[in-house]
Amino acid sequence: MKKLIFALTALLALLQYRLWMGENNLSEYFTLQTQITAQQESNAKLIARNEILKQEIIDLKSGTEAIEERARNELGLVKEGETFYRVVGSELIERNQFGQ
């Protein structure tokens, strides 16, 4: 009977050692869980960004309005017969008046 109790105690000690100190122990498990959560959040953000880019590609392929809008915003496109006005904020005007 003593041999059986000793064998079970030794087995329990071995299993506890592997649980706390061995390869793939509990601390590694919890670290991996936090890394998985962070990666899933990052993946969700990238998926959302990809969806926005897909919609933008569809808009650019389907018509000229999206292309024209981008040209106006990014390249300063002005159509023939239009007048371009640049609105300057009051803070910029005050700085220029006082030589700052």
N, C-alpha and C. Protein backbone atom coordinates (compact mmCIF):
# COMPACT_ATOMS: atom_id res chain seq x y z
N MET A 1 0.82 -1.19 0.00
CA MET A 1 0.00 0.00 0.00
C MET A 1 0.86 1.26 0.00
N LYS A 2 1.98 1.18 0.76
CA LYS A 2 2.87 2.34 0.81
C LYS A 2 3.46 2.64 -0.57
N LYS A 3 3.73 1.56 -1.34
CA LYS A 3 4.29 1.74 -2.67
C LYS A 3 3.28 2.46 -3.58
N LEU A 4 2.04 2.12 -3.46
CA LEU A 4 0.99 2.75 -4.28
C LEU A 4 0.85 4.23 -3.93
N ILE A 5 0.84 4.55 -2.65
CA ILE A 5 0.74 5.95 -2.23
C ILE A 5 1.97 6.72 -2.69
N PHE A 6 3.15 6.12 -2.57
CA PHE A 6 4.37 6.77 -3.04
C PHE A 6 4.32 7.00 -4.55
N ALA A 7 3.86 6.01 -5.30
CA ALA A 7 3.77 6.12 -6.76
C ALA A 7 2.78 7.22 -7.15
N LEU A 8 1.64 7.28 -6.48
CA LEU A 8 0.65 8.31 -6.79
C LEU A 8 1.17 9.71 -6.42
N THR A 9 1.90 9.82 -5.30
CA THR A 9 2.48 11.10 -4.89
C THR A 9 3.54 11.54 -5.89
N ALA A 10 4.36 10.60 -6.34
CA ALA A 10 5.39 10.92 -7.33
C ALA A 10 4.75 11.35 -8.65
N LEU A 11 3.69 10.68 -9.05
CA LEU A 11 2.97 11.05 -10.28
C LEU A 11 2.36 12.43 -10.15
N LEU A 12 1.77 12.71 -9.01
CA LEU A 12 1.19 14.03 -8.77
C LEU A 12 2.27 15.12 -8.80
N ALA A 13 3.42 14.83 -8.18
CA ALA A 13 4.52 15.80 -8.18
C ALA A 13 5.02 16.04 -9.61
N LEU A 14 5.13 15.00 -10.40
CA LEU A 14 5.58 15.12 -11.79
C LEU A 14 4.60 15.95 -12.60
N LEU A 15 3.33 15.68 -12.43
CA LEU A 15 2.31 16.43 -13.17
C LEU A 15 2.28 17.90 -12.74
N GLN A 16 2.45 18.15 -11.46
CA GLN A 16 2.49 19.53 -10.97
C GLN A 16 3.71 20.26 -11.53
N TYR A 17 4.84 19.57 -11.58
CA TYR A 17 6.04 20.19 -12.13
C TYR A 17 5.81 20.58 -13.59
N ARG A 18 5.23 19.67 -14.37
CA ARG A 18 4.98 19.97 -15.80
C ARG A 18 3.96 21.10 -15.95
N LEU A 19 3.00 21.17 -15.03
CA LEU A 19 1.99 22.20 -15.09
C LEU A 19 2.59 23.58 -14.85
N TRP A 20 3.48 23.70 -13.88
CA TRP A 20 4.02 25.00 -13.49
C TRP A 20 5.35 25.33 -14.13
N MET A 21 6.21 24.37 -14.37
CA MET A 21 7.57 24.65 -14.82
C MET A 21 7.90 24.07 -16.19
N GLY A 22 7.18 23.08 -16.65
CA GLY A 22 7.55 22.37 -17.86
C GLY A 22 7.21 23.13 -19.13
N GLU A 23 7.41 22.45 -20.23
CA GLU A 23 7.11 23.02 -21.54
C GLU A 23 5.60 23.22 -21.65
N ASN A 24 5.20 24.35 -22.24
CA ASN A 24 3.79 24.71 -22.39
C ASN A 24 3.09 24.81 -21.03
N ASN A 25 3.73 25.48 -20.09
CA ASN A 25 3.17 25.60 -18.75
C ASN A 25 2.06 26.66 -18.72
N LEU A 26 1.49 26.87 -17.56
CA LEU A 26 0.36 27.78 -17.41
C LEU A 26 0.70 29.23 -17.75
N SER A 27 1.88 29.69 -17.36
CA SER A 27 2.24 31.09 -17.66
C SER A 27 2.36 31.31 -19.17
N GLU A 28 2.93 30.34 -19.87
CA GLU A 28 3.00 30.44 -21.33
C GLU A 28 1.59 30.43 -21.94
N TYR A 29 0.72 29.63 -21.38
CA TYR A 29 -0.65 29.56 -21.86
C TYR A 29 -1.35 30.93 -21.75
N PHE A 30 -1.21 31.57 -20.59
CA PHE A 30 -1.86 32.87 -20.41
C PHE A 30 -1.22 33.94 -21.29
N THR A 31 0.09 33.87 -21.48
CA THR A 31 0.77 34.81 -22.37
C THR A 31 0.26 34.63 -23.80
N LEU A 32 0.13 33.41 -24.22
CA LEU A 32 -0.37 33.15 -25.57
C LEU A 32 -1.81 33.60 -25.74
N GLN A 33 -2.61 33.46 -24.70
CA GLN A 33 -3.99 33.92 -24.77
C GLN A 33 -4.06 35.42 -24.99
N THR A 34 -3.23 36.19 -24.29
CA THR A 34 -3.24 37.64 -24.48
C THR A 34 -2.72 38.01 -25.87
N GLN A 35 -1.72 37.28 -26.36
CA GLN A 35 -1.23 37.53 -27.71
C GLN A 35 -2.29 37.22 -28.76
N ILE A 36 -3.04 36.16 -28.55
CA ILE A 36 -4.10 35.80 -29.49
C ILE A 36 -5.17 36.88 -29.52
N THR A 37 -5.54 37.38 -28.35
CA THR A 37 -6.55 38.44 -28.28
C THR A 37 -6.07 39.69 -29.00
N ALA A 38 -4.82 40.07 -28.77
CA ALA A 38 -4.27 41.26 -29.44
C ALA A 38 -4.23 41.06 -30.96
N GLN A 39 -3.86 39.87 -31.40
CA GLN A 39 -3.80 39.59 -32.84
C GLN A 39 -5.19 39.60 -33.46
N GLN A 40 -6.19 39.09 -32.74
CA GLN A 40 -7.55 39.11 -33.26
C GLN A 40 -8.06 40.54 -33.40
N GLU A 41 -7.73 41.40 -32.45
CA GLU A 41 -8.14 42.81 -32.54
C GLU A 41 -7.46 43.48 -33.73
N SER A 42 -6.17 43.19 -33.91
CA SER A 42 -5.44 43.75 -35.04
C SER A 42 -6.03 43.26 -36.36
N ASN A 43 -6.36 41.98 -36.42
CA ASN A 43 -6.97 41.42 -37.63
C ASN A 43 -8.32 42.07 -37.93
N ALA A 44 -9.10 42.33 -36.90
CA ALA A 44 -10.41 42.96 -37.10
C ALA A 44 -10.24 44.36 -37.68
N LYS A 45 -9.26 45.12 -37.19
CA LYS A 45 -9.01 46.46 -37.72
C LYS A 45 -8.57 46.38 -39.18
N LEU A 46 -7.71 45.42 -39.50
CA LEU A 46 -7.25 45.28 -40.88
C LEU A 46 -8.36 44.84 -41.82
N ILE A 47 -9.25 43.99 -41.33
CA ILE A 47 -10.39 43.56 -42.15
C ILE A 47 -11.29 44.74 -42.44
N ALA A 48 -11.54 45.58 -41.44
CA ALA A 48 -12.37 46.76 -41.65
C ALA A 48 -11.71 47.71 -42.65
N ARG A 49 -10.39 47.91 -42.53
CA ARG A 49 -9.68 48.77 -43.47
C ARG A 49 -9.75 48.21 -44.88
N ASN A 50 -9.61 46.89 -45.02
CA ASN A 50 -9.69 46.26 -46.33
C ASN A 50 -11.08 46.44 -46.96
N GLU A 51 -12.12 46.35 -46.14
CA GLU A 51 -13.47 46.56 -46.65
C GLU A 51 -13.65 47.98 -47.18
N ILE A 52 -13.10 48.94 -46.45
CA ILE A 52 -13.19 50.34 -46.91
C ILE A 52 -12.45 50.49 -48.23
N LEU A 53 -11.28 49.88 -48.34
CA LEU A 53 -10.51 49.96 -49.59
C LEU A 53 -11.24 49.27 -50.74
N LYS A 54 -11.89 48.14 -50.45
CA LYS A 54 -12.66 47.45 -51.50
C LYS A 54 -13.79 48.34 -52.01
N GLN A 55 -14.50 49.00 -51.09
CA GLN A 55 -15.58 49.89 -51.50
C GLN A 55 -15.05 51.06 -52.32
N GLU A 56 -13.89 51.57 -51.95
CA GLU A 56 -13.29 52.67 -52.69
C GLU A 56 -12.89 52.22 -54.09
N ILE A 57 -12.37 51.01 -54.22
CA ILE A 57 -12.01 50.48 -55.53
C ILE A 57 -13.25 50.33 -56.40
N ILE A 58 -14.33 49.82 -55.81
CA ILE A 58 -15.57 49.67 -56.56
C ILE A 58 -16.07 51.04 -57.03
N ASP A 59 -16.00 52.04 -56.15
CA ASP A 59 -16.42 53.40 -56.53
C ASP A 59 -15.57 53.94 -57.67
N LEU A 60 -14.26 53.72 -57.59
CA LEU A 60 -13.37 54.24 -58.62
C LEU A 60 -13.58 53.54 -59.96
N LYS A 61 -13.92 52.25 -59.93
CA LYS A 61 -14.15 51.50 -61.16
C LYS A 61 -15.51 51.81 -61.77
N SER A 62 -16.49 52.16 -60.96
CA SER A 62 -17.85 52.28 -61.45
C SER A 62 -18.17 53.62 -62.09
N GLY A 63 -17.53 54.70 -61.70
CA GLY A 63 -17.92 55.97 -62.27
C GLY A 63 -16.84 57.02 -62.15
N THR A 64 -17.12 58.18 -62.73
CA THR A 64 -16.13 59.24 -62.73
C THR A 64 -16.26 60.17 -61.53
N GLU A 65 -17.39 60.11 -60.80
CA GLU A 65 -17.57 61.02 -59.67
C GLU A 65 -16.52 60.80 -58.59
N ALA A 66 -16.24 59.56 -58.28
CA ALA A 66 -15.25 59.27 -57.23
C ALA A 66 -13.86 59.71 -57.68
N ILE A 67 -13.55 59.49 -58.95
CA ILE A 67 -12.24 59.90 -59.47
C ILE A 67 -12.13 61.42 -59.43
N GLU A 68 -13.21 62.10 -59.83
CA GLU A 68 -13.21 63.56 -59.82
C GLU A 68 -13.07 64.09 -58.39
N GLU A 69 -13.75 63.49 -57.46
CA GLU A 69 -13.67 63.92 -56.06
C GLU A 69 -12.25 63.78 -55.53
N ARG A 70 -11.62 62.66 -55.83
CA ARG A 70 -10.22 62.47 -55.39
C ARG A 70 -9.30 63.48 -56.04
N ALA A 71 -9.51 63.75 -57.32
CA ALA A 71 -8.66 64.72 -58.02
C ALA A 71 -8.84 66.11 -57.42
N ARG A 72 -10.05 66.45 -57.05
CA ARG A 72 -10.29 67.76 -56.44
C ARG A 72 -9.62 67.87 -55.06
N ASN A 73 -9.75 66.83 -54.26
CA ASN A 73 -9.21 66.87 -52.90
C ASN A 73 -7.69 66.74 -52.86
N GLU A 74 -7.15 65.82 -53.64
CA GLU A 74 -5.73 65.52 -53.54
C GLU A 74 -4.87 66.32 -54.50
N LEU A 75 -5.42 66.65 -55.68
CA LEU A 75 -4.60 67.31 -56.69
C LEU A 75 -5.02 68.74 -56.98
N GLY A 76 -6.12 69.19 -56.36
CA GLY A 76 -6.57 70.57 -56.57
C GLY A 76 -7.19 70.80 -57.94
N LEU A 77 -7.91 69.82 -58.46
CA LEU A 77 -8.55 69.94 -59.77
C LEU A 77 -9.58 71.06 -59.78
N VAL A 78 -9.50 71.91 -60.81
CA VAL A 78 -10.49 72.96 -61.02
C VAL A 78 -10.96 72.82 -62.45
N LYS A 79 -12.28 72.69 -62.63
CA LYS A 79 -12.83 72.54 -63.97
C LYS A 79 -12.79 73.87 -64.71
N GLU A 80 -12.88 73.76 -66.01
CA GLU A 80 -12.91 74.95 -66.85
C GLU A 80 -14.18 75.74 -66.54
N GLY A 81 -14.02 77.03 -66.31
CA GLY A 81 -15.15 77.89 -66.01
C GLY A 81 -15.42 78.03 -64.52
N GLU A 82 -14.74 77.25 -63.67
CA GLU A 82 -14.92 77.35 -62.22
C GLU A 82 -13.91 78.34 -61.66
N THR A 83 -14.24 78.91 -60.53
CA THR A 83 -13.33 79.81 -59.84
C THR A 83 -12.91 79.15 -58.53
N PHE A 84 -11.62 79.14 -58.29
CA PHE A 84 -11.08 78.51 -57.10
C PHE A 84 -10.92 79.55 -56.01
N TYR A 85 -11.48 79.29 -54.84
CA TYR A 85 -11.34 80.16 -53.69
C TYR A 85 -10.66 79.40 -52.58
N ARG A 86 -9.67 80.00 -51.96
CA ARG A 86 -9.02 79.39 -50.80
C ARG A 86 -9.45 80.18 -49.57
N VAL A 87 -10.05 79.49 -48.62
CA VAL A 87 -10.51 80.13 -47.40
C VAL A 87 -9.42 79.96 -46.35
N VAL A 88 -8.97 81.08 -45.82
CA VAL A 88 -7.91 81.06 -44.82
C VAL A 88 -8.54 81.39 -43.48
N GLY A 89 -8.18 80.62 -42.45
CA GLY A 89 -8.74 80.83 -41.12
C GLY A 89 -8.29 82.16 -40.54
N SER A 90 -9.07 82.70 -39.61
CA SER A 90 -8.77 84.00 -39.01
C SER A 90 -7.46 83.97 -38.23
N GLU A 91 -7.10 82.82 -37.66
CA GLU A 91 -5.87 82.71 -36.90
C GLU A 91 -4.66 82.95 -37.80
N LEU A 92 -4.72 82.44 -39.03
CA LEU A 92 -3.61 82.64 -39.96
C LEU A 92 -3.52 84.10 -40.37
N ILE A 93 -4.65 84.75 -40.56
CA ILE A 93 -4.64 86.16 -40.96
C ILE A 93 -4.02 87.00 -39.86
N GLU A 94 -4.40 86.73 -38.59
CA GLU A 94 -3.86 87.50 -37.47
C GLU A 94 -2.35 87.31 -37.35
N ARG A 95 -1.86 86.11 -37.56
CA ARG A 95 -0.42 85.86 -37.49
C ARG A 95 0.30 86.64 -38.57
N ASN A 96 -0.26 86.65 -39.78
CA ASN A 96 0.39 87.37 -40.87
C ASN A 96 0.36 88.87 -40.65
N GLN A 97 -0.66 89.40 -40.04
CA GLN A 97 -0.75 90.84 -39.81
C GLN A 97 0.28 91.31 -38.79
N PHE A 98 0.59 90.48 -37.82
CA PHE A 98 1.51 90.86 -36.77
C PHE A 98 2.95 90.38 -37.05
N GLY A 99 3.16 89.79 -38.21
CA GLY A 99 4.49 89.39 -38.60
C GLY A 99 5.02 88.18 -37.85
N GLN A 100 4.16 87.33 -37.40
CA GLN A 100 4.61 86.14 -36.65
C GLN A 100 4.64 84.95 -37.55
